[in-house]
C-alpha atoms as a PDB file:
ATOM      1  CA  MET A   1     191.577 110.026  50.009  1.00  0.00           C
ATOM      2  CA  LEU A   2     194.526 110.108  47.435  1.00  0.00           C
ATOM      3  CA  ALA A   3     194.700 111.736  44.329  1.00  0.00           C
ATOM      4  CA  VAL A   4     197.954 111.049  42.018  1.00  0.00           C
ATOM      5  CA  CYS A   5     199.315 114.029  39.925  1.00  0.00           C
ATOM      6  CA  GLY A   6     201.787 115.857  37.834  1.00  0.00           C
ATOM      7  CA  GLY A   7     201.698 119.395  37.393  1.00  0.00           C
ATOM      8  CA  VAL A   8     199.331 122.227  36.121  1.00  0.00           C
ATOM      9  CA  GLY A   9     196.264 120.036  34.903  1.00  0.00           C
ATOM     10  CA  GLY A  10     196.697 117.300  37.580  1.00  0.00           C
ATOM     11  CA  ALA A  11     197.198 119.975  40.590  1.00  0.00           C
ATOM     12  CA  LYS A  12     193.929 122.325  39.637  1.00  0.00           C
ATOM     13  CA  LEU A  13     192.065 119.495  40.141  1.00  0.00           C
ATOM     14  CA  ALA A  14     193.900 118.662  43.331  1.00  0.00           C
ATOM     15  CA  PHE A  15     192.527 121.995  44.155  1.00  0.00           C
ATOM     16  CA  GLY A  16     189.334 121.498  43.410  1.00  0.00           C
ATOM     17  CA  LEU A  17     189.731 118.188  45.573  1.00  0.00           C
ATOM     18  CA  GLN A  18     191.253 119.950  48.596  1.00  0.00           C
ATOM     19  CA  GLU A  19     188.363 122.464  48.394  1.00  0.00           C
ATOM     20  CA  GLU A  20     185.994 119.202  48.894  1.00  0.00           C
ATOM     21  CA  VAL A  21     188.013 117.044  51.683  1.00  0.00           C
ATOM     22  CA  GLY A  22     190.333 119.074  53.231  1.00  0.00           C
ATOM     23  CA  ALA A  23     192.648 117.483  55.571  1.00  0.00           C
ATOM     24  CA  ALA A  24     191.299 114.321  54.587  1.00  0.00           C
ATOM     25  CA  LEU A  25     193.042 114.719  50.923  1.00  0.00           C
ATOM     26  CA  THR A  26     196.781 113.600  50.246  1.00  0.00           C
ATOM     27  CA  VAL A  27     198.381 113.944  47.038  1.00  0.00           C
ATOM     28  CA  MET A  28     201.022 111.743  45.622  1.00  0.00           C
ATOM     29  CA  VAL A  29     203.065 114.139  43.303  1.00  0.00           C
ATOM     30  CA  ASN A  30     205.356 112.533  40.240  1.00  0.00           C
ATOM     31  CA  THR A  31     209.119 113.267  40.830  1.00  0.00           C
ATOM     32  CA  GLY A  32     210.529 112.318  37.327  1.00  0.00           C
ATOM     33  CA  ASP A  33     210.659 116.026  36.330  1.00  0.00           C
ATOM     34  CA  ASP A  34     212.656 116.748  38.949  1.00  0.00           C
ATOM     35  CA  PHE A  35     216.715 117.729  37.726  1.00  0.00           C
ATOM     36  CA  THR A  36     219.459 119.505  39.129  1.00  0.00           C
ATOM     37  CA  HIS A  37     219.941 122.767  37.552  1.00  0.00           C
ATOM     38  CA  LEU A  38     222.804 125.484  38.261  1.00  0.00           C
ATOM     39  CA  GLY A  39     223.560 123.775  41.530  1.00  0.00           C
ATOM     40  CA  LEU A  40     219.707 123.647  42.661  1.00  0.00           C
ATOM     41  CA  ALA A  41     217.396 120.756  43.524  1.00  0.00           C
ATOM     42  CA  ILE A  42     214.631 121.512  41.132  1.00  0.00           C
ATOM     43  CA  SER A  43     210.734 119.742  42.209  1.00  0.00           C
ATOM     44  CA  PRO A  44     208.807 121.656  38.881  1.00  0.00           C
ATOM     45  CA  ASP A  45     205.656 119.369  39.495  1.00  0.00           C
ATOM     46  CA  ILE A  46     205.764 118.804  43.644  1.00  0.00           C
ATOM     47  CA  ASP A  47     206.175 122.816  43.205  1.00  0.00           C
ATOM     48  CA  THR A  48     203.242 123.601  40.913  1.00  0.00           C
ATOM     49  CA  VAL A  49     200.551 121.380  43.545  1.00  0.00           C
ATOM     50  CA  LEU A  50     202.275 123.259  46.033  1.00  0.00           C
ATOM     51  CA  TYR A  51     201.587 126.983  44.645  1.00  0.00           C
ATOM     52  CA  THR A  52     198.496 125.797  43.290  1.00  0.00           C
ATOM     53  CA  LEU A  53     196.850 124.789  46.406  1.00  0.00           C
ATOM     54  CA  GLY A  54     198.425 127.247  48.716  1.00  0.00           C
ATOM     55  CA  GLY A  55     196.568 129.653  45.981  1.00  0.00           C
ATOM     56  CA  LEU A  56     200.176 131.027  45.261  1.00  0.00           C
ATOM     57  CA  ALA A  57     200.276 130.088  41.170  1.00  0.00           C
ATOM     58  CA  ASP A  58     200.401 132.393  38.636  1.00  0.00           C
ATOM     59  CA  PRO A  59     196.896 132.279  36.883  1.00  0.00           C
ATOM     60  CA  VAL A  60     197.812 132.737  33.434  1.00  0.00           C
ATOM     61  CA  ARG A  61     201.207 130.673  32.906  1.00  0.00           C
ATOM     62  CA  GLY A  62     200.024 127.774  35.547  1.00  0.00           C
ATOM     63  CA  TRP A  63     203.056 127.327  36.511  1.00  0.00           C
ATOM     64  CA  GLY A  64     205.292 129.396  39.185  1.00  0.00           C
ATOM     65  CA  ARG A  65     203.968 131.861  41.784  1.00  0.00           C
ATOM     66  CA  ALA A  66     201.579 134.613  40.931  1.00  0.00           C
ATOM     67  CA  GLY A  67     202.766 138.150  40.768  1.00  0.00           C
ATOM     68  CA  GLU A  68     206.522 137.107  39.772  1.00  0.00           C
ATOM     69  CA  THR A  69     209.288 139.328  39.100  1.00  0.00           C
ATOM     70  CA  TRP A  70     212.357 138.217  36.708  1.00  0.00           C
ATOM     71  CA  GLN A  71     215.622 140.156  37.964  1.00  0.00           C
ATOM     72  CA  PHE A  72     218.179 137.025  38.852  1.00  0.00           C
ATOM     73  CA  MET A  73     217.562 135.892  35.263  1.00  0.00           C
ATOM     74  CA  THR A  74     218.109 139.059  33.371  1.00  0.00           C
ATOM     75  CA  ALA A  75     221.347 139.409  35.730  1.00  0.00           C
ATOM     76  CA  LEU A  76     222.168 135.926  34.865  1.00  0.00           C
ATOM     77  CA  ARG A  77     221.550 136.248  31.261  1.00  0.00           C
ATOM     78  CA  GLN A  78     224.127 139.685  31.815  1.00  0.00           C
ATOM     79  CA  LEU A  79     226.563 137.148  32.945  1.00  0.00           C
ATOM     80  CA  GLY A  80     226.091 134.443  29.826  1.00  0.00           C
ATOM     81  CA  GLY A  81     224.344 131.600  32.340  1.00  0.00           C
ATOM     82  CA  GLU A  82     221.787 129.195  31.378  1.00  0.00           C
ATOM     83  CA  ASP A  83     218.721 130.840  30.627  1.00  0.00           C
ATOM     84  CA  TRP A  84     216.558 128.580  29.450  1.00  0.00           C
ATOM     85  CA  PHE A  85     215.080 127.480  32.308  1.00  0.00           C
ATOM     86  CA  GLN A  86     212.488 130.226  33.776  1.00  0.00           C
ATOM     87  CA  LEU A  87     213.317 130.648  38.045  1.00  0.00           C
ATOM     88  CA  GLY A  88     211.771 133.510  38.848  1.00  0.00           C
ATOM     89  CA  ASP A  89     212.582 135.632  42.088  1.00  0.00           C
ATOM     90  CA  LEU A  90     210.204 134.489  44.310  1.00  0.00           C
ATOM     91  CA  ASP A  91     210.347 130.948  42.920  1.00  0.00           C
ATOM     92  CA  LEU A  92     213.734 131.277  43.648  1.00  0.00           C
ATOM     93  CA  ALA A  93     213.715 130.726  47.489  1.00  0.00           C
ATOM     94  CA  MET A  94     212.011 127.523  47.217  1.00  0.00           C
ATOM     95  CA  HIS A  95     214.502 125.744  45.287  1.00  0.00           C
ATOM     96  CA  VAL A  96     217.852 127.403  47.512  1.00  0.00           C
ATOM     97  CA  GLU A  97     215.736 126.435  50.406  1.00  0.00           C
ATOM     98  CA  ARG A  98     214.882 122.597  49.155  1.00  0.00           C
ATOM     99  CA  THR A  99     218.639 122.417  48.050  1.00  0.00           C
ATOM    100  CA  ARG A 100     219.718 123.469  51.506  1.00  0.00           C
ATOM    101  CA  ARG A 101     217.662 121.041  53.580  1.00  0.00           C
ATOM    102  CA  LEU A 102     218.705 118.262  51.153  1.00  0.00           C
ATOM    103  CA  ALA A 103     221.755 118.823  51.501  1.00  0.00           C
ATOM    104  CA  GLY A 104     221.611 118.559  55.272  1.00  0.00           C
ATOM    105  CA  GLY A 105     220.053 114.879  54.963  1.00  0.00           C
ATOM    106  CA  GLU A 106     216.701 115.849  54.973  1.00  0.00           C
ATOM    107  CA  ARG A 107     214.449 113.485  52.616  1.00  0.00           C
ATOM    108  CA  LEU A 108     212.483 115.398  50.115  1.00  0.00           C
ATOM    109  CA  SER A 109     209.378 114.038  51.583  1.00  0.00           C
ATOM    110  CA  ALA A 110     209.667 115.740  54.829  1.00  0.00           C
ATOM    111  CA  VAL A 111     210.807 119.226  53.021  1.00  0.00           C
ATOM    112  CA  THR A 112     207.515 119.166  51.084  1.00  0.00           C
ATOM    113  CA  ALA A 113     205.337 118.229  54.010  1.00  0.00           C
ATOM    114  CA  ASP A 114     207.104 121.073  55.803  1.00  0.00           C
ATOM    115  CA  THR A 115     206.756 123.476  53.184  1.00  0.00           C
ATOM    116  CA  ALA A 116     203.068 122.351  52.847  1.00  0.00           C
ATOM    117  CA  ARG A 117     202.500 123.278  56.680  1.00  0.00           C
ATOM    118  CA  ARG A 118     204.186 126.405  55.933  1.00  0.00           C
ATOM    119  CA  LEU A 119     201.949 127.578  53.168  1.00  0.00           C
ATOM    120  CA  ALA A 120     198.758 126.328  55.093  1.00  0.00           C
ATOM    121  CA  LEU A 121     197.730 123.841  52.774  1.00  0.00           C
ATOM    122  CA  ALA A 122     195.176 121.685  54.152  1.00  0.00           C
ATOM    123  CA  ALA A 123     195.898 118.333  51.828  1.00  0.00           C
ATOM    124  CA  ARG A 124     199.307 116.450  52.818  1.00  0.00           C
ATOM    125  CA  VAL A 125     201.715 116.824  49.335  1.00  0.00           C
ATOM    126  CA  LEU A 126     203.785 114.073  48.932  1.00  0.00           C
ATOM    127  CA  PRO A 127     206.680 113.129  46.417  1.00  0.00           C
ATOM    128  CA  MET A 128     206.143 109.726  44.839  1.00  0.00           C
ATOM    129  CA  SER A 129     209.547 108.654  46.552  1.00  0.00           C
ATOM    130  CA  ASP A 130     212.001 109.903  48.068  1.00  0.00           C
ATOM    131  CA  GLU A 131     214.579 108.114  45.615  1.00  0.00           C
ATOM    132  CA  PRO A 132     215.513 109.736  42.635  1.00  0.00           C
ATOM    133  CA  VAL A 133     214.008 108.846  38.992  1.00  0.00           C
ATOM    134  CA  ARG A 134     214.560 110.552  36.633  1.00  0.00           C
ATOM    135  CA  THR A 135     212.333 110.423  33.260  1.00  0.00           C
ATOM    136  CA  THR A 136     214.359 110.837  29.344  1.00  0.00           C
ATOM    137  CA  VAL A 137     213.043 111.355  26.455  1.00  0.00           C
ATOM    138  CA  GLU A 138     213.974 108.847  23.238  1.00  0.00           C
ATOM    139  CA  THR A 139     213.418 111.946  20.448  1.00  0.00           C
ATOM    140  CA  SER A 140     214.460 112.141  16.682  1.00  0.00           C
ATOM    141  CA  GLN A 141     217.308 114.200  18.265  1.00  0.00           C
ATOM    142  CA  GLY A 142     218.745 111.808  20.221  1.00  0.00           C
ATOM    143  CA  ARG A 143     218.330 111.150  24.362  1.00  0.00           C
ATOM    144  CA  LEU A 144     217.238 113.834  26.136  1.00  0.00           C
ATOM    145  CA  ALA A 145     216.526 114.692  30.145  1.00  0.00           C
ATOM    146  CA  PHE A 146     213.024 115.442  30.494  1.00  0.00           C
ATOM    147  CA  GLN A 147     213.394 118.969  31.158  1.00  0.00           C
ATOM    148  CA  HIS A 148     216.001 119.607  27.946  1.00  0.00           C
ATOM    149  CA  TYR A 149     212.939 118.108  25.979  1.00  0.00           C
ATOM    150  CA  PHE A 150     210.356 119.760  28.074  1.00  0.00           C
ATOM    151  CA  VAL A 151     211.726 123.409  28.030  1.00  0.00           C
ATOM    152  CA  ARG A 152     214.712 124.105  26.350  1.00  0.00           C
ATOM    153  CA  GLU A 153     213.699 121.914  23.175  1.00  0.00           C
ATOM    154  CA  ARG A 154     209.793 123.244  23.571  1.00  0.00           C
ATOM    155  CA  CYS A 155     208.655 119.373  23.248  1.00  0.00           C
ATOM    156  CA  MET A 156     209.578 119.990  19.121  1.00  0.00           C
ATOM    157  CA  PRO A 157     211.564 116.828  18.556  1.00  0.00           C
ATOM    158  CA  SER A 158     209.790 113.713  17.964  1.00  0.00           C
ATOM    159  CA  VAL A 159     209.192 111.219  20.925  1.00  0.00           C
ATOM    160  CA  LEU A 160     209.965 107.753  20.327  1.00  0.00           C
ATOM    161  CA  GLY A 161     209.938 106.606  23.239  1.00  0.00           C
ATOM    162  CA  LEU A 162     210.437 107.250  27.214  1.00  0.00           C
ATOM    163  CA  ARG A 163     212.571 105.832  30.089  1.00  0.00           C
ATOM    164  CA  PHE A 164     212.137 106.301  34.057  1.00  0.00           C
ATOM    165  CA  GLU A 165     215.872 106.042  35.041  1.00  0.00           C
ATOM    166  CA  GLY A 166     216.104 104.854  38.649  1.00  0.00           C
ATOM    167  CA  ALA A 167     212.497 103.578  38.904  1.00  0.00           C
ATOM    168  CA  GLU A 168     213.932  99.917  39.250  1.00  0.00           C
ATOM    169  CA  ARG A 169     215.596 101.321  42.335  1.00  0.00           C
ATOM    170  CA  ALA A 170     213.359 103.679  43.333  1.00  0.00           C
ATOM    171  CA  ARG A 171     210.734 102.671  46.978  1.00  0.00           C
ATOM    172  CA  ILE A 172     207.297 104.308  47.239  1.00  0.00           C
ATOM    173  CA  LEU A 173     206.749 106.143  49.872  1.00  0.00           C
ATOM    174  CA  PRO A 174     206.154 104.433  52.660  1.00  0.00           C
ATOM    175  CA  GLU A 175     203.565 106.856  54.100  1.00  0.00           C
ATOM    176  CA  LEU A 176     201.843 106.485  50.559  1.00  0.00           C
ATOM    177  CA  ALA A 177     202.183 102.431  50.245  1.00  0.00           C
ATOM    178  CA  ASP A 178     200.938 102.561  53.868  1.00  0.00           C
ATOM    179  CA  LEU A 179     197.812 104.954  53.111  1.00  0.00           C
ATOM    180  CA  LEU A 180     197.145 102.652  49.490  1.00  0.00           C
ATOM    181  CA  ALA A 181     197.080  99.572  52.023  1.00  0.00           C
ATOM    182  CA  ASP A 182     194.526 101.300  54.566  1.00  0.00           C
ATOM    183  CA  ASP A 183     190.776  99.975  54.369  1.00  0.00           C
ATOM    184  CA  ALA A 184     189.952 103.324  55.467  1.00  0.00           C
ATOM    185  CA  LEU A 185     190.723 104.915  51.889  1.00  0.00           C
ATOM    186  CA  CYS A 186     188.129 105.700  50.210  1.00  0.00           C
ATOM    187  CA  ALA A 187     188.730 106.924  46.987  1.00  0.00           C
ATOM    188  CA  VAL A 188     192.029 107.509  44.760  1.00  0.00           C
ATOM    189  CA  ILE A 189     191.829 109.713  41.842  1.00  0.00           C
ATOM    190  CA  ILE A 190     194.440 110.010  38.988  1.00  0.00           C
ATOM    191  CA  CYS A 191     194.116 113.522  37.894  1.00  0.00           C
ATOM    192  CA  PRO A 192     194.338 114.867  34.248  1.00  0.00           C
ATOM    193  CA  SER A 193     197.984 114.968  34.131  1.00  0.00           C
ATOM    194  CA  ASN A 194     199.750 113.504  31.079  1.00  0.00           C
ATOM    195  CA  PRO A 195     199.287 109.917  31.090  1.00  0.00           C
ATOM    196  CA  TYR A 196     202.635 109.129  30.001  1.00  0.00           C
ATOM    197  CA  LEU A 197     204.815 111.968  31.207  1.00  0.00           C
ATOM    198  CA  SER A 198     203.320 112.491  34.347  1.00  0.00           C
ATOM    199  CA  ILE A 199     201.395 109.722  35.405  1.00  0.00           C
ATOM    200  CA  ASP A 200     203.558 106.614  34.103  1.00  0.00           C
ATOM    201  CA  PRO A 201     206.884 107.561  36.440  1.00  0.00           C
ATOM    202  CA  ILE A 202     204.429 106.984  39.333  1.00  0.00           C
ATOM    203  CA  LEU A 203     203.361 103.593  38.120  1.00  0.00           C
ATOM    204  CA  ALA A 204     207.054 102.490  36.945  1.00  0.00           C
ATOM    205  CA  LEU A 205     207.832 102.051  40.768  1.00  0.00           C
ATOM    206  CA  PRO A 206     208.356  98.732  41.791  1.00  0.00           C
ATOM    207  CA  GLY A 207     204.888  97.250  43.449  1.00  0.00           C
ATOM    208  CA  MET A 208     203.209 100.513  42.567  1.00  0.00           C
ATOM    209  CA  ARG A 209     200.698  98.957  39.990  1.00  0.00           C
ATOM    210  CA  GLU A 210     200.008  96.206  42.182  1.00  0.00           C
ATOM    211  CA  ALA A 211     199.415  98.515  45.334  1.00  0.00           C
ATOM    212  CA  LEU A 212     196.579  99.898  43.341  1.00  0.00           C
ATOM    213  CA  ALA A 213     195.337  97.430  41.972  1.00  0.00           C
ATOM    214  CA  ARG A 214     194.786  95.520  45.643  1.00  0.00           C
ATOM    215  CA  CYS A 215     193.174  98.885  47.517  1.00  0.00           C
ATOM    216  CA  ALA A 216     190.019  98.634  48.846  1.00  0.00           C
ATOM    217  CA  ALA A 217     189.016 102.206  46.820  1.00  0.00           C
ATOM    218  CA  PRO A 218     187.633 102.436  43.558  1.00  0.00           C
ATOM    219  CA  VAL A 219     190.162 103.998  41.670  1.00  0.00           C
ATOM    220  CA  VAL A 220     189.036 106.742  39.053  1.00  0.00           C
ATOM    221  CA  ALA A 221     191.370 108.542  36.240  1.00  0.00           C
ATOM    222  CA  VAL A 222     190.220 111.417  34.637  1.00  0.00           C
ATOM    223  CA  SER A 223     191.215 111.737  31.234  1.00  0.00           C
ATOM    224  CA  PRO A 224     193.578 115.009  29.908  1.00  0.00           C
ATOM    225  CA  LEU A 225     191.993 114.963  26.708  1.00  0.00           C
ATOM    226  CA  ILE A 226     189.161 117.219  25.412  1.00  0.00           C
ATOM    227  CA  GLY A 227     187.990 116.686  21.642  1.00  0.00           C
ATOM    228  CA  GLY A 228     191.011 114.379  21.443  1.00  0.00           C
ATOM    229  CA  GLN A 229     193.387 117.834  21.993  1.00  0.00           C
ATOM    230  CA  ALA A 230     194.871 118.348  25.641  1.00  0.00           C
ATOM    231  CA  VAL A 231     193.888 121.999  27.456  1.00  0.00           C
ATOM    232  CA  LYS A 232     198.177 122.163  27.649  1.00  0.00           C
ATOM    233  CA  GLY A 233     201.269 120.400  27.061  1.00  0.00           C
ATOM    234  CA  PRO A 234     202.046 117.750  24.447  1.00  0.00           C
ATOM    235  CA  THR A 235     199.733 114.740  25.196  1.00  0.00           C
ATOM    236  CA  ALA A 236     198.072 114.604  21.988  1.00  0.00           C
ATOM    237  CA  LYS A 237     201.292 115.122  20.246  1.00  0.00           C
ATOM    238  CA  ILE A 238     202.825 112.310  22.064  1.00  0.00           C
ATOM    239  CA  MET A 239     200.378 110.280  21.787  1.00  0.00           C
ATOM    240  CA  GLY A 240     200.257 110.489  17.868  1.00  0.00           C
ATOM    241  CA  GLU A 241     204.185 110.432  17.782  1.00  0.00           C
ATOM    242  CA  LEU A 242     204.009 106.645  19.644  1.00  0.00           C
ATOM    243  CA  GLY A 243     201.120 105.627  17.282  1.00  0.00           C
ATOM    244  CA  LEU A 244     198.135 106.064  19.368  1.00  0.00           C
ATOM    245  CA  ALA A 245     195.147 107.712  18.363  1.00  0.00           C
ATOM    246  CA  ALA A 246     194.486 111.003  20.836  1.00  0.00           C
ATOM    247  CA  GLY A 247     191.176 109.841  22.105  1.00  0.00           C
ATOM    248  CA  SER A 248     189.823 108.361  24.975  1.00  0.00           C
ATOM    249  CA  ALA A 249     189.610 105.149  23.997  1.00  0.00           C
ATOM    250  CA  ALA A 250     193.629 105.403  24.089  1.00  0.00           C
ATOM    251  CA  ILE A 251     193.525 106.898  27.494  1.00  0.00           C
ATOM    252  CA  ALA A 252     190.898 104.113  28.462  1.00  0.00           C
ATOM    253  CA  ARG A 253     193.263 101.283  26.929  1.00  0.00           C
ATOM    254  CA  HIS A 254     196.365 102.756  28.887  1.00  0.00           C
ATOM    255  CA  TYR A 255     194.677 102.464  32.185  1.00  0.00           C
ATOM    256  CA  ALA A 256     192.468  99.302  31.792  1.00  0.00           C
ATOM    257  CA  GLY A 257     193.029  96.476  34.415  1.00  0.00           C
ATOM    258  CA  LEU A 258     194.399  99.676  36.831  1.00  0.00           C
ATOM    259  CA  VAL A 259     191.233 101.533  37.524  1.00  0.00           C
ATOM    260  CA  ASP A 260     187.740 101.142  37.844  1.00  0.00           C
ATOM    261  CA  GLY A 261     186.609 104.397  36.134  1.00  0.00           C
ATOM    262  CA  LEU A 262     187.246 106.929  33.438  1.00  0.00           C
ATOM    263  CA  VAL A 263     185.887 110.520  33.693  1.00  0.00           C
ATOM    264  CA  VAL A 264     185.598 112.027  29.881  1.00  0.00           C
ATOM    265  CA  ASP A 265     184.515 115.710  28.891  1.00  0.00           C
ATOM    266  CA  THR A 266     181.536 116.362  27.712  1.00  0.00           C
ATOM    267  CA  ALA A 267     182.778 117.140  23.966  1.00  0.00           C
ATOM    268  CA  ASP A 268     183.956 113.261  23.936  1.00  0.00           C
ATOM    269  CA  ALA A 269     180.402 111.747  25.304  1.00  0.00           C
ATOM    270  CA  ALA A 270     180.078 109.541  21.954  1.00  0.00           C
ATOM    271  CA  ASP A 271     183.403 107.849  23.018  1.00  0.00           C
ATOM    272  CA  ALA A 272     181.524 106.280  26.809  1.00  0.00           C
ATOM    273  CA  ASP A 273     181.289 102.746  24.670  1.00  0.00           C
ATOM    274  CA  ARG A 274     184.424 102.395  23.648  1.00  0.00           C
ATOM    275  CA  VAL A 275     185.512 102.842  27.048  1.00  0.00           C
ATOM    276  CA  LEU A 276     183.287 100.738  28.346  1.00  0.00           C
ATOM    277  CA  ALA A 277     184.991  98.211  25.708  1.00  0.00           C
ATOM    278  CA  PHE A 278     188.307  98.323  27.620  1.00  0.00           C
ATOM    279  CA  GLY A 279     186.016  97.114  31.115  1.00  0.00           C
ATOM    280  CA  LEU A 280     185.748 100.644  32.946  1.00  0.00           C
ATOM    281  CA  SER A 281     182.760 102.287  34.018  1.00  0.00           C
ATOM    282  CA  CYS A 282     182.613 105.648  31.785  1.00  0.00           C
ATOM    283  CA  MET A 283     181.351 109.029  33.376  1.00  0.00           C
ATOM    284  CA  VAL A 284     180.910 111.993  30.870  1.00  0.00           C
ATOM    285  CA  ALA A 285     181.362 115.522  32.988  1.00  0.00           C
ATOM    286  CA  PRO A 286     183.279 119.158  31.815  1.00  0.00           C
ATOM    287  CA  THR A 287     186.181 118.885  32.772  1.00  0.00           C
ATOM    288  CA  LEU A 288     187.499 121.883  31.364  1.00  0.00           C
ATOM    289  CA  MET A 289     188.602 124.008  34.413  1.00  0.00           C
ATOM    290  CA  LYS A 290     188.941 127.382  33.784  1.00  0.00           C
ATOM    291  CA  GLY A 291     188.810 128.498  37.575  1.00  0.00           C
ATOM    292  CA  PRO A 292     188.023 127.933  40.472  1.00  0.00           C
ATOM    293  CA  GLN A 293     184.332 126.898  40.022  1.00  0.00           C
ATOM    294  CA  GLU A 294     184.882 124.429  37.818  1.00  0.00           C
ATOM    295  CA  ARG A 295     187.950 122.559  39.990  1.00  0.00           C
ATOM    296  CA  VAL A 296     185.437 121.948  42.301  1.00  0.00           C
ATOM    297  CA  ALA A 297     182.781 120.803  40.306  1.00  0.00           C
ATOM    298  CA  LEU A 298     184.872 118.434  38.611  1.00  0.00           C
ATOM    299  CA  ALA A 299     186.325 117.159  42.027  1.00  0.00           C
ATOM    300  CA  ARG A 300     182.638 116.786  43.163  1.00  0.00           C
ATOM    301  CA  GLN A 301     182.085 114.780  40.276  1.00  0.00           C
ATOM    302  CA  CYS A 302     184.651 112.649  40.296  1.00  0.00           C
ATOM    303  CA  LEU A 303     183.821 111.981  43.619  1.00  0.00           C
ATOM    304  CA  ALA A 304     179.919 110.808  43.241  1.00  0.00           C
ATOM    305  CA  PHE A 305     181.542 109.116  40.621  1.00  0.00           C
ATOM    306  CA  ALA A 306     184.014 107.203  42.881  1.00  0.00           C
ATOM    307  CA  HIS A 307     180.809 106.767  45.800  1.00  0.00           C
ATOM    308  CA  GLU A 308     178.958 105.225  42.923  1.00  0.00           C
ATOM    309  CA  LEU A 309     181.880 102.867  41.707  1.00  0.00           C
ATOM    310  CA  ASP A 310     182.315 102.090  45.587  1.00  0.00           C
ATOM    311  CA  ALA A 311     178.745 101.128  45.872  1.00  0.00           C
ATOM    312  CA  LYS A 312     178.366  98.542  42.804  1.00  0.00           C
ATOM    313  CA  ARG A 313     181.211  97.133  44.031  1.00  0.00           C
ATOM    314  CA  ARG A 314     180.078  96.765  47.528  1.00  0.00           C
ATOM    315  CA  ALA A 315     176.682  95.522  46.045  1.00  0.00           C
ATOM    316  CA  GLU A 316     178.117  92.785  43.924  1.00  0.00           C
ATOM    317  CA  ARG A 317     180.461  91.389  46.877  1.00  0.00           C
ATOM    318  CA  PRO A 318     179.043  91.678  49.836  1.00  0.00           C
ATOM    319  CA  GLU A 319     181.237  89.899  51.379  1.00  0.00           C
ATOM    320  CA  GLU A 320     183.762  92.677  50.637  1.00  0.00           C
ATOM    321  CA  THR A 321     181.800  95.691  53.056  1.00  0.00           C
ATOM    322  CA  GLN A 322     182.119  94.543  56.828  1.00  0.00           C
ATOM    323  CA  PRO A 323     186.129  95.350  56.771  1.00  0.00           C
ATOM    324  CA  TRP A 324     185.632  98.204  55.172  1.00  0.00           C
ATOM    325  CA  SER A 325     185.470 101.457  57.487  1.00  0.00           C
ATOM    326  CA  ARG A 326     185.162 104.186  54.330  1.00  0.00           C
ATOM    327  CA  SER A 327     182.398 106.560  54.845  1.00  0.00           C
ATOM    328  CA  TRP A 328     180.645 108.912  52.850  1.00  0.00           C
ATOM    329  CA  THR A 329     178.847 112.008  54.046  1.00  0.00           C
ATOM    330  CA  GLU A 330     176.177 113.350  51.245  1.00  0.00           C
ATOM    331  CA  GLN A 331     176.375 116.614  51.238  1.00  0.00           C
ATOM    332  CA  ASP A 332     174.291 119.383  49.174  1.00  0.00           C
ATOM    333  CA  SER A 333     177.273 119.240  46.642  1.00  0.00           C
ATOM    334  CA  GLY A 334     176.982 115.654  46.495  1.00  0.00           C
ATOM    335  CA  PRO A 335     179.234 112.865  47.826  1.00  0.00           C
ATOM    336  CA  SER A 336     182.328 113.943  50.063  1.00  0.00           C
ATOM    337  CA  CYS A 337     185.185 111.639  51.188  1.00  0.00           C
ATOM    338  CA  PRO A 338     185.801 112.541  54.433  1.00  0.00           C
END
């Protein structure tokens, strides 16, 4: 199965999915946030996913490594270096090694996959593309590189629009294109990452929307909003600045024609009919993931929803059931995708 995600929120659900299906999980990660800082190749969303799935993430911040120290940043600050982007001493090793290997000619996907193996992850973690795509934000203060907007300016400027520079020249990672074309793919879960900052850069890749629309598996998205507010990050703020009402209906409209179903939080149960109006099936479930148990519980709900949508599709189009080799295993915890 395939999970599509950005950083903190998406990584939490990816963790739950890994607990449920193990090595059957591939995680496609946004790289629009990537940038070069202090001469180092930084991939924030990839690193958050790797640390989270490997049990290394800081549980308080949600990003970076647990048990981090900051002597490098202290020394850098004393020297007058740029200190707006925090690089912990443990985290620094990831960036230095990635930079070295990329400079030696390795692909980002190969470096990421090997790092996942070294961190003993069960799931396969891959960037959306080996070609660079860079998110830039049109703001009330002018055009800003994503990390300048997100970290340096702390999301304070008003957002007027978003650009994904390089997307038109980038290619979907071949391994991911093959997976999306595989009739054995049993589910695609778009994790509760920011649809505009984390998922749209992935969808901007030429052919990505078409590949998702054509794939044999049901596609399920999880809303990142609870009661019209984001658990973490500027999703609701950006929606308001782009003239969108922050709620399940706007998320459903954004994903309409791309996904089969949307999972919304129990606080937004009243929005289910509005989701249905956009042609999407809707599941209401607790989506706040405070710890590992909630992550696994939501993963099970998403898999159960995908199973339900798959069964519905096969009942409506029985002629398509024969070529499909996906299988679902009923367990005490609910349906799971092998």
